[in-house]
Amino acid sequence: MNEIHVLRYSGYRPNERPQKFTVKGREFEVSELDGQWYSPDAIYFRVRANDGNYYILRHDEGQDSWTLDAFRANRQ
C-alpha cells in the first residue's frame, strides 16, 4: 500500500469524499466517485481520476491516514 496525500470535500460531515490526491508527487483530480464502502476501521472510495484510470483509496479513520490500495488502467 502506498501512502498518499488527499484533498477532501467536507459537506455535512468531515472528510466526506476525496477531490484530489497526490501519489509520488503526481496530482490527480477525482472526476467521478464510482463506489464507496465501509469496513470496521476504514472507508474505501473507488474513484476515476482525470487520467481516465480507476483508483481505490482507503481512509483509515482511526489513524486519519490515506493509502492507495488498488489501481486499474482504463482500457478503451
C-alpha atoms as a PDB file:
ATOM      1  CA  MET A   1       0.000   0.000   0.000  1.00  0.00           C
ATOM      2  CA  ASN A   2       1.254   3.465  -0.878  1.00  0.00           C
ATOM      3  CA  GLU A   3       0.668   6.360   1.451  1.00  0.00           C
ATOM      4  CA  ILE A   4      -0.804   9.331  -0.379  1.00  0.00           C
ATOM      5  CA  HIS A   5      -1.976  12.871   0.267  1.00  0.00           C
ATOM      6  CA  VAL A   6      -5.698  13.502  -0.277  1.00  0.00           C
ATOM      7  CA  LEU A   7      -7.644  16.761  -0.520  1.00  0.00           C
ATOM      8  CA  ARG A   8     -11.140  16.039   0.749  1.00  0.00           C
ATOM      9  CA  TYR A   9     -14.560  17.547   0.288  1.00  0.00           C
ATOM     10  CA  SER A  10     -16.381  18.126   3.551  1.00  0.00           C
ATOM     11  CA  GLY A  11     -20.127  18.543   3.297  1.00  0.00           C
ATOM     12  CA  TYR A  12     -22.457  17.800   6.176  1.00  0.00           C
ATOM     13  CA  ARG A  13     -19.729  15.627   7.695  1.00  0.00           C
ATOM     14  CA  PRO A  14     -15.915  15.947   7.598  1.00  0.00           C
ATOM     15  CA  ASN A  15     -13.828  14.060   5.038  1.00  0.00           C
ATOM     16  CA  GLU A  16     -16.923  13.149   3.048  1.00  0.00           C
ATOM     17  CA  ARG A  17     -15.122  12.187  -0.171  1.00  0.00           C
ATOM     18  CA  PRO A  18     -11.803  12.730  -1.952  1.00  0.00           C
ATOM     19  CA  GLN A  19     -11.496  15.573  -4.502  1.00  0.00           C
ATOM     20  CA  LYS A  20      -7.796  15.361  -5.401  1.00  0.00           C
ATOM     21  CA  PHE A  21      -4.948  13.073  -4.447  1.00  0.00           C
ATOM     22  CA  THR A  22      -1.203  13.026  -4.897  1.00  0.00           C
ATOM     23  CA  VAL A  23       0.843   9.863  -5.481  1.00  0.00           C
ATOM     24  CA  LYS A  24       4.647  10.116  -5.706  1.00  0.00           C
ATOM     25  CA  GLY A  25       4.430  13.833  -6.450  1.00  0.00           C
ATOM     26  CA  ARG A  26       1.833  13.483  -9.217  1.00  0.00           C
ATOM     27  CA  GLU A  27      -1.545  15.129  -8.609  1.00  0.00           C
ATOM     28  CA  PHE A  28      -4.845  13.661  -9.813  1.00  0.00           C
ATOM     29  CA  GLU A  29      -8.320  15.188  -9.755  1.00  0.00           C
ATOM     30  CA  VAL A  30     -11.257  12.938  -8.971  1.00  0.00           C
ATOM     31  CA  SER A  31     -13.618  13.156 -11.921  1.00  0.00           C
ATOM     32  CA  GLU A  32     -16.066  10.502 -10.671  1.00  0.00           C
ATOM     33  CA  LEU A  33     -16.844   8.703  -7.415  1.00  0.00           C
ATOM     34  CA  ASP A  34     -17.596   5.201  -8.712  1.00  0.00           C
ATOM     35  CA  GLY A  35     -18.259   3.479  -5.384  1.00  0.00           C
ATOM     36  CA  GLN A  36     -17.863   3.689  -1.631  1.00  0.00           C
ATOM     37  CA  TRP A  37     -17.917   1.024   1.070  1.00  0.00           C
ATOM     38  CA  TYR A  38     -17.068   0.652   4.737  1.00  0.00           C
ATOM     39  CA  SER A  39     -15.053  -1.730   6.885  1.00  0.00           C
ATOM     40  CA  PRO A  40     -14.866  -1.555  10.678  1.00  0.00           C
ATOM     41  CA  ASP A  41     -11.765   0.663  10.558  1.00  0.00           C
ATOM     42  CA  ALA A  42     -11.836   2.376   7.173  1.00  0.00           C
ATOM     43  CA  ILE A  43     -13.810   3.851   4.309  1.00  0.00           C
ATOM     44  CA  TYR A  44     -12.939   2.843   0.750  1.00  0.00           C
ATOM     45  CA  PHE A  45     -13.524   5.011  -2.308  1.00  0.00           C
ATOM     46  CA  ARG A  46     -13.358   3.745  -5.885  1.00  0.00           C
ATOM     47  CA  VAL A  47     -12.682   6.830  -7.978  1.00  0.00           C
ATOM     48  CA  ARG A  48     -11.983   7.639 -11.589  1.00  0.00           C
ATOM     49  CA  ALA A  49      -9.276  10.269 -11.933  1.00  0.00           C
ATOM     50  CA  ASN A  50      -8.730  12.871 -14.631  1.00  0.00           C
ATOM     51  CA  ASP A  51      -6.245  10.479 -16.309  1.00  0.00           C
ATOM     52  CA  GLY A  52      -9.146   8.076 -17.020  1.00  0.00           C
ATOM     53  CA  ASN A  53      -7.863   5.373 -14.667  1.00  0.00           C
ATOM     54  CA  TYR A  54      -9.548   3.913 -11.587  1.00  0.00           C
ATOM     55  CA  TYR A  55      -8.092   4.007  -8.071  1.00  0.00           C
ATOM     56  CA  ILE A  56      -9.213   2.585  -4.740  1.00  0.00           C
ATOM     57  CA  LEU A  57      -8.399   4.988  -1.930  1.00  0.00           C
ATOM     58  CA  ARG A  58      -8.607   3.828   1.687  1.00  0.00           C
ATOM     59  CA  HIS A  59      -9.148   6.232   4.571  1.00  0.00           C
ATOM     60  CA  ASP A  60      -8.196   4.799   7.969  1.00  0.00           C
ATOM     61  CA  GLU A  61     -10.409   6.847  10.250  1.00  0.00           C
ATOM     62  CA  GLY A  62      -8.593   5.957  13.488  1.00  0.00           C
ATOM     63  CA  GLN A  63      -5.188   6.995  12.139  1.00  0.00           C
ATOM     64  CA  ASP A  64      -6.604   9.661   9.783  1.00  0.00           C
ATOM     65  CA  SER A  65      -4.341   8.331   7.044  1.00  0.00           C
ATOM     66  CA  TRP A  66      -4.910   7.537   3.380  1.00  0.00           C
ATOM     67  CA  THR A  67      -3.474   4.764   1.222  1.00  0.00           C
ATOM     68  CA  LEU A  68      -3.749   3.751  -2.405  1.00  0.00           C
ATOM     69  CA  ASP A  69      -4.999   0.155  -2.257  1.00  0.00           C
ATOM     70  CA  ALA A  70      -5.562  -0.602  -5.951  1.00  0.00           C
ATOM     71  CA  PHE A  71      -5.154   0.773  -9.446  1.00  0.00           C
ATOM     72  CA  ARG A  72      -6.783  -0.250 -12.705  1.00  0.00           C
ATOM     73  CA  ALA A  73      -5.953   1.260 -16.063  1.00  0.00           C
ATOM     74  CA  ASN A  74      -8.924   2.266 -18.179  1.00  0.00           C
ATOM     75  CA  ARG A  75      -8.782   0.200 -21.340  1.00  0.00           C
ATOM     76  CA  GLN A  76     -10.530   1.912 -24.220  1.00  0.00           C
END
